[in-house]
Amino acid sequence: MQKKQSRTLLIAIAILSLGTLPGCELGPHGDGKVETSSSGTSADMPTTSGVSTTSEQTTDAPPGETSSSTSEELTTSPSTSDESSSTTTPPSECGNRMHESGEECDDGNLESGDLCSFDCTREFVVFVTKQRFDGALQPQASRETDLGTGLEAVDGICQNAAKKFLPEESSTKFKAWLAGDALPSAPSSRFSEVLRTTTKPIHLLGTESDLLGVVIANGWVDLVDGHLQSAIDVTEERSFVDQSLNLTWVWTNVDPNGNRVNGNNCDQWSSNAMNKAPVITGSTLQSDEMWTQHTTPGGCEFYKHFYCFSQ
């Protein structure tokens, strides 16, 4: 009897010892199942009477809070970027008559042949002024007209002449193929970068319905190689210039490469005095290098044309 009681006591002590293992508890029903808390590790524990142990990972949450399981719910916090402050520039819209980023021009339509093409890139044209001027920029028709002096005044002559054929909505600018006193005053420096880097055709002003006539050069490099595909002999009135020999001369002081020849320029295009050094001229009869640098210079008292190029 005493041995039986001792055996029972030993079994009770063993069972109690199992209940005190870290992270382990006896099942609530005394069935020998061992449960582990979330801080413990699951293990197969020895059992009596062939009862197996199981591991369940649970977390006891404080009152009022939802317990978490091994399947966690991920939440995404709102983005910290302020999309409303984006400064992205909207794409330009060709044909809205607004000169926007990426456009060379915008005349309000998507048509080509009007010096601003369907994709808002420049089309280039050249003409020779119908009127002739002396070295002081006095037109032959009226010696009382004050057009100013210098290169800007000559550019103004070209711009005013172009109004005769330019569409009203056009913003195309024109400059004279002319050099002044300073070295950077020649077309190779003062013409627009768009023109000086273009590979697009440069047209003679058309004499028919189209503004774009025959091609005189395929881009700037072709223009300044010393030879044109056609002489520049059409005026702003879209008619051919008078081909009489003494009426074909053009003020330039520019060599075939678009550079200034020398400092002879009728005192910066302000003097028609007879004692001034002769100025290099070109000819509307020529398509070789003499279109811009003829062998016969002209005195400042004589009347000559100007070549005008769109920019």
C-alpha atoms as a PDB file:
ATOM      1  CA  MET A   1       0.000   0.000   0.000  1.00  0.00           C
ATOM      2  CA  GLN A   2       2.817   2.329   0.905  1.00  0.00           C
ATOM      3  CA  LYS A   3       4.646   1.497  -2.367  1.00  0.00           C
ATOM      4  CA  LYS A   4       1.488   2.302  -4.353  1.00  0.00           C
ATOM      5  CA  GLN A   5       1.126   5.671  -2.634  1.00  0.00           C
ATOM      6  CA  SER A   6       4.799   6.480  -3.311  1.00  0.00           C
ATOM      7  CA  ARG A   7       4.378   5.576  -7.013  1.00  0.00           C
ATOM      8  CA  THR A   8       1.287   7.804  -7.219  1.00  0.00           C
ATOM      9  CA  LEU A   9       3.175  10.662  -5.594  1.00  0.00           C
ATOM     10  CA  LEU A  10       6.064  10.309  -8.060  1.00  0.00           C
ATOM     11  CA  ILE A  11       3.678  10.383 -11.023  1.00  0.00           C
ATOM     12  CA  ALA A  12       2.004  13.540  -9.642  1.00  0.00           C
ATOM     13  CA  ILE A  13       5.370  15.223  -9.165  1.00  0.00           C
ATOM     14  CA  ALA A  14       6.362  14.320 -12.756  1.00  0.00           C
ATOM     15  CA  ILE A  15       3.154  15.723 -14.133  1.00  0.00           C
ATOM     16  CA  LEU A  16       3.561  18.947 -12.159  1.00  0.00           C
ATOM     17  CA  SER A  17       7.117  19.250 -13.437  1.00  0.00           C
ATOM     18  CA  LEU A  18       5.883  19.100 -17.042  1.00  0.00           C
ATOM     19  CA  GLY A  19       3.507  21.997 -16.354  1.00  0.00           C
ATOM     20  CA  THR A  20       6.375  24.239 -15.213  1.00  0.00           C
ATOM     21  CA  LEU A  21       8.489  23.960 -18.380  1.00  0.00           C
ATOM     22  CA  PRO A  22       9.061  27.414 -20.009  1.00  0.00           C
ATOM     23  CA  GLY A  23       6.397  28.215 -22.606  1.00  0.00           C
ATOM     24  CA  CYS A  24       4.427  25.028 -21.837  1.00  0.00           C
ATOM     25  CA  GLU A  25       1.145  24.479 -20.076  1.00  0.00           C
ATOM     26  CA  LEU A  26      -1.035  21.490 -19.461  1.00  0.00           C
ATOM     27  CA  GLY A  27      -4.182  21.350 -21.463  1.00  0.00           C
ATOM     28  CA  PRO A  28      -7.199  22.745 -19.703  1.00  0.00           C
ATOM     29  CA  HIS A  29      -8.860  19.357 -19.596  1.00  0.00           C
ATOM     30  CA  GLY A  30      -5.973  17.462 -18.107  1.00  0.00           C
ATOM     31  CA  ASP A  31      -5.695  15.350 -21.242  1.00  0.00           C
ATOM     32  CA  GLY A  32      -1.937  15.500 -21.449  1.00  0.00           C
ATOM     33  CA  LYS A  33      -1.855  17.942 -24.407  1.00  0.00           C
ATOM     34  CA  VAL A  34       0.898  20.527 -24.134  1.00  0.00           C
ATOM     35  CA  GLU A  35       0.237  24.016 -25.467  1.00  0.00           C
ATOM     36  CA  THR A  36       2.963  26.555 -26.190  1.00  0.00           C
ATOM     37  CA  SER A  37       2.577  30.287 -25.922  1.00  0.00           C
ATOM     38  CA  SER A  38       3.699  32.663 -28.644  1.00  0.00           C
ATOM     39  CA  SER A  39       6.985  33.199 -26.874  1.00  0.00           C
ATOM     40  CA  GLY A  40       7.838  29.529 -26.821  1.00  0.00           C
ATOM     41  CA  THR A  41       8.902  27.127 -29.483  1.00  0.00           C
ATOM     42  CA  SER A  42       6.834  24.161 -30.489  1.00  0.00           C
ATOM     43  CA  ALA A  43       8.274  20.806 -29.577  1.00  0.00           C
ATOM     44  CA  ASP A  44       7.169  17.252 -29.265  1.00  0.00           C
ATOM     45  CA  MET A  45       6.885  16.624 -25.539  1.00  0.00           C
ATOM     46  CA  PRO A  46       6.806  13.201 -23.960  1.00  0.00           C
ATOM     47  CA  THR A  47       3.346  12.132 -22.933  1.00  0.00           C
ATOM     48  CA  THR A  48       1.767   9.494 -20.874  1.00  0.00           C
ATOM     49  CA  SER A  49      -0.986   7.171 -21.932  1.00  0.00           C
ATOM     50  CA  GLY A  50      -0.025   7.654 -25.638  1.00  0.00           C
ATOM     51  CA  VAL A  51      -1.481  11.213 -25.813  1.00  0.00           C
ATOM     52  CA  SER A  52       0.296  13.323 -28.505  1.00  0.00           C
ATOM     53  CA  THR A  53       1.265  16.977 -28.104  1.00  0.00           C
ATOM     54  CA  THR A  54       0.383  19.805 -30.515  1.00  0.00           C
ATOM     55  CA  SER A  55       1.688  23.326 -31.075  1.00  0.00           C
ATOM     56  CA  GLU A  56      -0.633  26.294 -31.619  1.00  0.00           C
ATOM     57  CA  GLN A  57       0.864  29.779 -32.121  1.00  0.00           C
ATOM     58  CA  THR A  58      -1.379  32.380 -30.678  1.00  0.00           C
ATOM     59  CA  THR A  59      -0.824  35.781 -29.161  1.00  0.00           C
ATOM     60  CA  ASP A  60      -2.836  37.069 -26.285  1.00  0.00           C
ATOM     61  CA  ALA A  61      -3.766  40.718 -26.951  1.00  0.00           C
ATOM     62  CA  PRO A  62      -4.538  43.220 -24.200  1.00  0.00           C
ATOM     63  CA  PRO A  63      -8.227  43.881 -23.553  1.00  0.00           C
ATOM     64  CA  GLY A  64      -9.886  46.012 -26.246  1.00  0.00           C
ATOM     65  CA  GLU A  65      -7.319  45.078 -28.945  1.00  0.00           C
ATOM     66  CA  THR A  66      -7.520  42.462 -31.650  1.00  0.00           C
ATOM     67  CA  SER A  67      -5.109  39.577 -31.344  1.00  0.00           C
ATOM     68  CA  SER A  68      -2.661  39.030 -34.151  1.00  0.00           C
ATOM     69  CA  SER A  69      -1.941  35.721 -35.860  1.00  0.00           C
ATOM     70  CA  THR A  70       0.982  34.580 -37.912  1.00  0.00           C
ATOM     71  CA  SER A  71      -0.854  35.937 -40.997  1.00  0.00           C
ATOM     72  CA  GLU A  72      -0.248  39.657 -40.681  1.00  0.00           C
ATOM     73  CA  GLU A  73      -2.317  42.249 -42.463  1.00  0.00           C
ATOM     74  CA  LEU A  74      -0.048  44.705 -44.254  1.00  0.00           C
ATOM     75  CA  THR A  75      -1.224  48.250 -44.544  1.00  0.00           C
ATOM     76  CA  THR A  76       0.165  50.845 -46.934  1.00  0.00           C
ATOM     77  CA  SER A  77       0.620  54.332 -45.639  1.00  0.00           C
ATOM     78  CA  PRO A  78      -0.416  57.213 -47.859  1.00  0.00           C
ATOM     79  CA  SER A  79       2.287  58.453 -50.250  1.00  0.00           C
ATOM     80  CA  THR A  80       4.293  61.322 -48.937  1.00  0.00           C
ATOM     81  CA  SER A  81       4.794  62.772 -52.419  1.00  0.00           C
ATOM     82  CA  ASP A  82       2.644  65.731 -53.249  1.00  0.00           C
ATOM     83  CA  GLU A  83       1.335  64.938 -56.705  1.00  0.00           C
ATOM     84  CA  SER A  84      -0.667  68.125 -56.811  1.00  0.00           C
ATOM     85  CA  SER A  85       2.549  70.146 -56.839  1.00  0.00           C
ATOM     86  CA  SER A  86       3.811  68.532 -60.034  1.00  0.00           C
ATOM     87  CA  THR A  87       5.449  71.024 -62.406  1.00  0.00           C
ATOM     88  CA  THR A  88       5.414  68.817 -65.501  1.00  0.00           C
ATOM     89  CA  THR A  89       5.130  70.998 -68.614  1.00  0.00           C
ATOM     90  CA  PRO A  90       2.187  69.972 -70.800  1.00  0.00           C
ATOM     91  CA  PRO A  91       3.131  68.944 -74.344  1.00  0.00           C
ATOM     92  CA  SER A  92       3.090  71.696 -76.938  1.00  0.00           C
ATOM     93  CA  GLU A  93       0.184  71.815 -79.360  1.00  0.00           C
ATOM     94  CA  CYS A  94       1.097  72.659 -82.927  1.00  0.00           C
ATOM     95  CA  GLY A  95      -1.424  74.872 -84.669  1.00  0.00           C
ATOM     96  CA  ASN A  96      -2.666  76.932 -81.720  1.00  0.00           C
ATOM     97  CA  ARG A  97      -0.719  80.077 -82.735  1.00  0.00           C
ATOM     98  CA  MET A  98       1.330  79.940 -79.546  1.00  0.00           C
ATOM     99  CA  HIS A  99       5.090  79.519 -79.813  1.00  0.00           C
ATOM    100  CA  GLU A 100       5.681  76.737 -77.282  1.00  0.00           C
ATOM    101  CA  SER A 101       8.601  74.580 -76.222  1.00  0.00           C
ATOM    102  CA  GLY A 102       9.862  72.347 -79.008  1.00  0.00           C
ATOM    103  CA  GLU A 103       8.341  74.488 -81.790  1.00  0.00           C
ATOM    104  CA  GLU A 104      10.266  76.629 -84.246  1.00  0.00           C
ATOM    105  CA  CYS A 105       7.098  78.429 -85.289  1.00  0.00           C
ATOM    106  CA  ASP A 106       3.314  78.241 -84.967  1.00  0.00           C
ATOM    107  CA  ASP A 107       1.147  80.189 -87.390  1.00  0.00           C
ATOM    108  CA  GLY A 108      -2.166  78.741 -86.264  1.00  0.00           C
ATOM    109  CA  ASN A 109      -2.576  76.019 -88.874  1.00  0.00           C
ATOM    110  CA  LEU A 110      -1.227  72.598 -89.769  1.00  0.00           C
ATOM    111  CA  GLU A 111      -0.412  73.410 -93.385  1.00  0.00           C
ATOM    112  CA  SER A 112       2.981  73.449 -95.071  1.00  0.00           C
ATOM    113  CA  GLY A 113       4.192  75.843 -97.729  1.00  0.00           C
ATOM    114  CA  ASP A 114       3.560  79.030 -95.711  1.00  0.00           C
ATOM    115  CA  LEU A 115       7.042  79.156 -94.087  1.00  0.00           C
ATOM    116  CA  CYS A 116       5.786  77.228 -91.052  1.00  0.00           C
ATOM    117  CA  SER A 117       5.234  73.552 -91.805  1.00  0.00           C
ATOM    118  CA  PHE A 118       2.552  71.146 -90.551  1.00  0.00           C
ATOM    119  CA  ASP A 119       4.807  70.097 -87.649  1.00  0.00           C
ATOM    120  CA  CYS A 120       5.668  73.662 -86.581  1.00  0.00           C
ATOM    121  CA  THR A 121       9.183  73.651 -88.022  1.00  0.00           C
ATOM    122  CA  ARG A 122      10.562  76.445 -90.187  1.00  0.00           C
ATOM    123  CA  GLU A 123      10.488  76.537 -93.953  1.00  0.00           C
ATOM    124  CA  PHE A 124      13.104  78.798 -95.494  1.00  0.00           C
ATOM    125  CA  VAL A 125      12.809  81.231 -98.358  1.00  0.00           C
ATOM    126  CA  VAL A 126      14.934  83.968 -99.917  1.00  0.00           C
ATOM    127  CA  PHE A 127      14.146  86.886-102.214  1.00  0.00           C
ATOM    128  CA  VAL A 128      15.893  89.965-103.544  1.00  0.00           C
ATOM    129  CA  THR A 129      14.398  93.415-102.910  1.00  0.00           C
ATOM    130  CA  LYS A 130      12.733  95.004-105.878  1.00  0.00           C
ATOM    131  CA  GLN A 131      13.829  98.412-104.657  1.00  0.00           C
ATOM    132  CA  ARG A 132      17.471  99.428-104.836  1.00  0.00           C
ATOM    133  CA  PHE A 133      19.304 101.518-102.236  1.00  0.00           C
ATOM    134  CA  ASP A 134      22.521 103.510-102.019  1.00  0.00           C
ATOM    135  CA  GLY A 135      25.155 103.113 -99.311  1.00  0.00           C
ATOM    136  CA  ALA A 136      23.188 105.350 -96.940  1.00  0.00           C
ATOM    137  CA  LEU A 137      20.093 103.129 -97.366  1.00  0.00           C
ATOM    138  CA  GLN A 138      18.277 105.786 -99.340  1.00  0.00           C
ATOM    139  CA  PRO A 139      15.918 104.110-101.836  1.00  0.00           C
ATOM    140  CA  GLN A 140      16.224 105.174-105.430  1.00  0.00           C
ATOM    141  CA  ALA A 141      12.535 106.042-105.583  1.00  0.00           C
ATOM    142  CA  SER A 142      12.724 108.614-102.779  1.00  0.00           C
ATOM    143  CA  ARG A 143      15.814 110.283-101.376  1.00  0.00           C
ATOM    144  CA  GLU A 144      13.761 111.788 -98.549  1.00  0.00           C
ATOM    145  CA  THR A 145      12.932 108.520 -96.857  1.00  0.00           C
ATOM    146  CA  ASP A 146      14.718 107.969 -93.541  1.00  0.00           C
ATOM    147  CA  LEU A 147      15.122 104.237 -92.987  1.00  0.00           C
ATOM    148  CA  GLY A 148      17.892 104.589 -90.427  1.00  0.00           C
ATOM    149  CA  THR A 149      21.389 103.198 -90.809  1.00  0.00           C
ATOM    150  CA  GLY A 150      23.293 100.030 -90.048  1.00  0.00           C
ATOM    151  CA  LEU A 151      22.471  96.348 -90.308  1.00  0.00           C
ATOM    152  CA  GLU A 152      19.271  96.561 -88.250  1.00  0.00           C
ATOM    153  CA  ALA A 153      17.902  99.149 -90.646  1.00  0.00           C
ATOM    154  CA  VAL A 154      18.637  96.862 -93.611  1.00  0.00           C
ATOM    155  CA  ASP A 155      16.958  93.965 -91.801  1.00  0.00           C
ATOM    156  CA  GLY A 156      13.977  96.268 -91.411  1.00  0.00           C
ATOM    157  CA  ILE A 157      13.966  96.855 -95.169  1.00  0.00           C
ATOM    158  CA  CYS A 158      13.779  93.085 -95.687  1.00  0.00           C
ATOM    159  CA  GLN A 159      11.034  92.667 -93.090  1.00  0.00           C
ATOM    160  CA  ASN A 160       8.874  95.415 -94.593  1.00  0.00           C
ATOM    161  CA  ALA A 161       9.335  93.987 -98.079  1.00  0.00           C
ATOM    162  CA  ALA A 162       8.285  90.511 -96.872  1.00  0.00           C
ATOM    163  CA  LYS A 163       4.925  91.887 -95.691  1.00  0.00           C
ATOM    164  CA  LYS A 164       3.844  91.864 -99.315  1.00  0.00           C
ATOM    165  CA  PHE A 165       3.648  88.080 -99.374  1.00  0.00           C
ATOM    166  CA  LEU A 166       3.692  86.866 -95.762  1.00  0.00           C
ATOM    167  CA  PRO A 167       0.390  85.586 -94.336  1.00  0.00           C
ATOM    168  CA  GLU A 168      -1.036  88.038 -91.821  1.00  0.00           C
ATOM    169  CA  GLU A 169      -0.617  85.594 -88.942  1.00  0.00           C
ATOM    170  CA  SER A 170       3.029  84.818 -89.782  1.00  0.00           C
ATOM    171  CA  SER A 171       5.753  85.685 -87.289  1.00  0.00           C
ATOM    172  CA  THR A 172       8.603  84.862 -89.693  1.00  0.00           C
ATOM    173  CA  LYS A 173      11.584  87.181 -89.421  1.00  0.00           C
ATOM    174  CA  PHE A 174      13.876  88.215 -92.273  1.00  0.00           C
ATOM    175  CA  LYS A 175      17.474  89.398 -92.289  1.00  0.00           C
ATOM    176  CA  ALA A 176      19.681  90.777 -95.029  1.00  0.00           C
ATOM    177  CA  TRP A 177      22.615  88.825 -96.454  1.00  0.00           C
ATOM    178  CA  LEU A 178      24.975  91.604 -95.478  1.00  0.00           C
ATOM    179  CA  ALA A 179      28.036  92.224 -93.308  1.00  0.00           C
ATOM    180  CA  GLY A 180      28.898  95.287 -91.269  1.00  0.00           C
ATOM    181  CA  ASP A 181      32.080  96.517 -89.682  1.00  0.00           C
ATOM    182  CA  ALA A 182      32.661  93.966 -86.895  1.00  0.00           C
ATOM    183  CA  LEU A 183      33.766  90.414 -87.673  1.00  0.00           C
ATOM    184  CA  PRO A 184      30.667  88.764 -86.081  1.00  0.00           C
ATOM    185  CA  SER A 185      28.369  90.915 -88.223  1.00  0.00           C
ATOM    186  CA  ALA A 186      28.220  88.494 -91.163  1.00  0.00           C
ATOM    187  CA  PRO A 187      25.437  85.984 -91.860  1.00  0.00           C
ATOM    188  CA  SER A 188      27.589  83.125 -90.546  1.00  0.00           C
ATOM    189  CA  SER A 189      27.302  84.753 -87.110  1.00  0.00           C
ATOM    190  CA  ARG A 190      24.214  86.920 -87.006  1.00  0.00           C
ATOM    191  CA  PHE A 191      21.704  84.722 -88.833  1.00  0.00           C
ATOM    192  CA  SER A 192      19.463  82.591 -86.612  1.00  0.00           C
ATOM    193  CA  GLU A 193      20.825  79.313 -85.289  1.00  0.00           C
ATOM    194  CA  VAL A 194      17.792  77.556 -86.769  1.00  0.00           C
ATOM    195  CA  LEU A 195      18.854  78.647 -90.249  1.00  0.00           C
ATOM    196  CA  ARG A 196      22.594  78.144 -89.687  1.00  0.00           C
ATOM    197  CA  THR A 197      22.060  74.545 -88.599  1.00  0.00           C
ATOM    198  CA  THR A 198      19.238  73.503 -90.908  1.00  0.00           C
ATOM    199  CA  THR A 199      19.464  70.673 -93.390  1.00  0.00           C
ATOM    200  CA  LYS A 200      16.063  71.545 -94.843  1.00  0.00           C
ATOM    201  CA  PRO A 201      15.779  73.044 -98.340  1.00  0.00           C
ATOM    202  CA  ILE A 202      16.115  76.797 -98.759  1.00  0.00           C
ATOM    203  CA  HIS A 203      13.692  77.941-101.425  1.00  0.00           C
ATOM    204  CA  LEU A 204      13.556  80.870-103.769  1.00  0.00           C
ATOM    205  CA  LEU A 205      10.313  82.783-103.244  1.00  0.00           C
ATOM    206  CA  GLY A 206       7.684  81.260-105.503  1.00  0.00           C
ATOM    207  CA  THR A 207       6.257  83.177-108.426  1.00  0.00           C
ATOM    208  CA  GLU A 208       3.046  81.144-108.577  1.00  0.00           C
ATOM    209  CA  SER A 209       0.479  80.290-105.892  1.00  0.00           C
ATOM    210  CA  ASP A 210       3.041  78.592-103.633  1.00  0.00           C
ATOM    211  CA  LEU A 211       5.360  80.705-101.513  1.00  0.00           C
ATOM    212  CA  LEU A 212       8.067  78.087-101.857  1.00  0.00           C
ATOM    213  CA  GLY A 213       9.665  78.143-105.279  1.00  0.00           C
ATOM    214  CA  VAL A 214      12.682  76.279-106.586  1.00  0.00           C
ATOM    215  CA  VAL A 215      15.350  75.100-104.156  1.00  0.00           C
ATOM    216  CA  ILE A 216      18.551  77.150-104.174  1.00  0.00           C
ATOM    217  CA  ALA A 217      20.326  75.032-101.504  1.00  0.00           C
ATOM    218  CA  ASN A 218      19.700  71.931 -99.411  1.00  0.00           C
ATOM    219  CA  GLY A 219      20.467  73.373 -96.023  1.00  0.00           C
ATOM    220  CA  TRP A 220      23.006  75.844 -94.699  1.00  0.00           C
ATOM    221  CA  VAL A 221      26.116  73.835 -95.600  1.00  0.00           C
ATOM    222  CA  ASP A 222      24.972  73.640 -99.202  1.00  0.00           C
ATOM    223  CA  LEU A 223      24.215  77.386 -99.189  1.00  0.00           C
ATOM    224  CA  VAL A 224      27.750  78.348 -98.221  1.00  0.00           C
ATOM    225  CA  ASP A 225      29.683  75.947-100.429  1.00  0.00           C
ATOM    226  CA  GLY A 226      30.147  78.495-103.210  1.00  0.00           C
ATOM    227  CA  HIS A 227      27.465  77.307-105.586  1.00  0.00           C
ATOM    228  CA  LEU A 228      23.674  77.741-105.640  1.00  0.00           C
ATOM    229  CA  GLN A 229      21.240  75.499-107.452  1.00  0.00           C
ATOM    230  CA  SER A 230      19.519  78.605-108.806  1.00  0.00           C
ATOM    231  CA  ALA A 231      20.250  82.320-108.902  1.00  0.00           C
ATOM    232  CA  ILE A 232      18.349  84.526-106.430  1.00  0.00           C
ATOM    233  CA  ASP A 233      16.352  86.637-108.860  1.00  0.00           C
ATOM    234  CA  VAL A 234      12.757  86.814-107.529  1.00  0.00           C
ATOM    235  CA  THR A 235      11.528  89.902-105.672  1.00  0.00           C
ATOM    236  CA  GLU A 236       9.040  90.276-102.815  1.00  0.00           C
ATOM    237  CA  GLU A 237       6.401  90.974-105.447  1.00  0.00           C
ATOM    238  CA  ARG A 238       6.978  87.410-106.652  1.00  0.00           C
ATOM    239  CA  SER A 239       8.223  88.546-110.008  1.00  0.00           C
ATOM    240  CA  PHE A 240      11.662  88.315-111.590  1.00  0.00           C
ATOM    241  CA  VAL A 241      14.058  91.168-111.058  1.00  0.00           C
ATOM    242  CA  ASP A 242      15.012  93.311-114.036  1.00  0.00           C
ATOM    243  CA  GLN A 243      17.861  91.475-115.705  1.00  0.00           C
ATOM    244  CA  SER A 244      19.437  94.564-117.259  1.00  0.00           C
ATOM    245  CA  LEU A 245      23.121  94.352-116.452  1.00  0.00           C
ATOM    246  CA  ASN A 246      23.339  97.521-114.368  1.00  0.00           C
ATOM    247  CA  LEU A 247      20.252  96.584-112.348  1.00  0.00           C
ATOM    248  CA  THR A 248      21.350  93.188-111.036  1.00  0.00           C
ATOM    249  CA  TRP A 249      23.944  94.215-108.427  1.00  0.00           C
ATOM    250  CA  VAL A 250      23.362  93.396-104.748  1.00  0.00           C
ATOM    251  CA  TRP A 251      25.088  94.861-101.672  1.00  0.00           C
ATOM    252  CA  THR A 252      26.756  92.087 -99.646  1.00  0.00           C
ATOM    253  CA  ASN A 253      30.371  92.451 -98.398  1.00  0.00           C
ATOM    254  CA  VAL A 254      29.975  88.692 -97.758  1.00  0.00           C
ATOM    255  CA  ASP A 255      32.072  85.865 -99.194  1.00  0.00           C
ATOM    256  CA  PRO A 256      30.639  82.514-100.424  1.00  0.00           C
ATOM    257  CA  ASN A 257      31.107  81.010 -96.933  1.00  0.00           C
ATOM    258  CA  GLY A 258      28.867  83.608 -95.322  1.00  0.00           C
ATOM    259  CA  ASN A 259      31.726  85.562 -93.734  1.00  0.00           C
ATOM    260  CA  ARG A 260      32.631  89.234 -93.902  1.00  0.00           C
ATOM    261  CA  VAL A 261      35.065  90.127 -96.701  1.00  0.00           C
ATOM    262  CA  ASN A 262      36.522  93.366 -95.317  1.00  0.00           C
ATOM    263  CA  GLY A 263      35.705  96.559 -93.471  1.00  0.00           C
ATOM    264  CA  ASN A 264      34.357  98.410 -96.503  1.00  0.00           C
ATOM    265  CA  ASN A 265      30.680  98.989 -95.788  1.00  0.00           C
ATOM    266  CA  CYS A 266      29.855 102.616 -96.621  1.00  0.00           C
ATOM    267  CA  ASP A 267      30.513 103.661 -93.018  1.00  0.00           C
ATOM    268  CA  GLN A 268      28.266 100.985 -91.573  1.00  0.00           C
ATOM    269  CA  TRP A 269      25.663 101.558 -94.282  1.00  0.00           C
ATOM    270  CA  SER A 270      25.269 105.232 -93.506  1.00  0.00           C
ATOM    271  CA  SER A 271      27.087 107.022 -96.317  1.00  0.00           C
ATOM    272  CA  ASN A 272      26.586 107.503-100.047  1.00  0.00           C
ATOM    273  CA  ALA A 273      29.706 109.591-100.518  1.00  0.00           C
ATOM    274  CA  MET A 274      31.623 109.037-103.721  1.00  0.00           C
ATOM    275  CA  ASN A 275      34.999 108.927-101.983  1.00  0.00           C
ATOM    276  CA  LYS A 276      34.192 105.842 -99.884  1.00  0.00           C
ATOM    277  CA  ALA A 277      35.986 102.574-100.554  1.00  0.00           C
ATOM    278  CA  PRO A 278      34.095 100.314-102.953  1.00  0.00           C
ATOM    279  CA  VAL A 279      32.032  97.558-101.365  1.00  0.00           C
ATOM    280  CA  ILE A 280      31.871  93.894-102.374  1.00  0.00           C
ATOM    281  CA  THR A 281      28.662  93.104-104.261  1.00  0.00           C
ATOM    282  CA  GLY A 282      26.879  90.089-105.681  1.00  0.00           C
ATOM    283  CA  SER A 283      24.797  89.539-108.770  1.00  0.00           C
ATOM    284  CA  THR A 284      21.276  88.201-109.321  1.00  0.00           C
ATOM    285  CA  LEU A 285      22.505  86.768-112.627  1.00  0.00           C
ATOM    286  CA  GLN A 286      24.925  84.363-110.966  1.00  0.00           C
ATOM    287  CA  SER A 287      24.619  81.043-109.146  1.00  0.00           C
ATOM    288  CA  ASP A 288      28.334  80.416-108.614  1.00  0.00           C
ATOM    289  CA  GLU A 289      30.363  82.219-105.937  1.00  0.00           C
ATOM    290  CA  MET A 290      29.719  85.531-107.693  1.00  0.00           C
ATOM    291  CA  TRP A 291      26.128  85.463-106.464  1.00  0.00           C
ATOM    292  CA  THR A 292      27.603  87.028-103.302  1.00  0.00           C
ATOM    293  CA  GLN A 293      31.196  88.061-104.126  1.00  0.00           C
ATOM    294  CA  HIS A 294      31.563  89.461-107.613  1.00  0.00           C
ATOM    295  CA  THR A 295      34.805  90.671-109.073  1.00  0.00           C
ATOM    296  CA  THR A 296      33.386  94.174-109.511  1.00  0.00           C
ATOM    297  CA  PRO A 297      32.879  96.127-106.245  1.00  0.00           C
ATOM    298  CA  GLY A 298      30.513  99.071-106.146  1.00  0.00           C
ATOM    299  CA  GLY A 299      30.747 102.662-104.958  1.00  0.00           C
ATOM    300  CA  CYS A 300      28.515 103.810-102.089  1.00  0.00           C
ATOM    301  CA  GLU A 301      26.779 106.355-104.330  1.00  0.00           C
ATOM    302  CA  PHE A 302      25.243 103.667-106.518  1.00  0.00           C
ATOM    303  CA  TYR A 303      21.928 101.875-106.018  1.00  0.00           C
ATOM    304  CA  LYS A 304      21.836  98.161-105.449  1.00  0.00           C
ATOM    305  CA  HIS A 305      19.489  95.443-104.129  1.00  0.00           C
ATOM    306  CA  PHE A 306      19.588  93.386-100.911  1.00  0.00           C
ATOM    307  CA  TYR A 307      19.157  89.640-100.500  1.00  0.00           C
ATOM    308  CA  CYS A 308      16.673  88.773 -97.734  1.00  0.00           C
ATOM    309  CA  PHE A 309      16.583  85.376 -95.980  1.00  0.00           C
ATOM    310  CA  SER A 310      13.874  84.083 -93.664  1.00  0.00           C
ATOM    311  CA  GLN A 311      15.137  83.052 -90.254  1.00  0.00           C
END
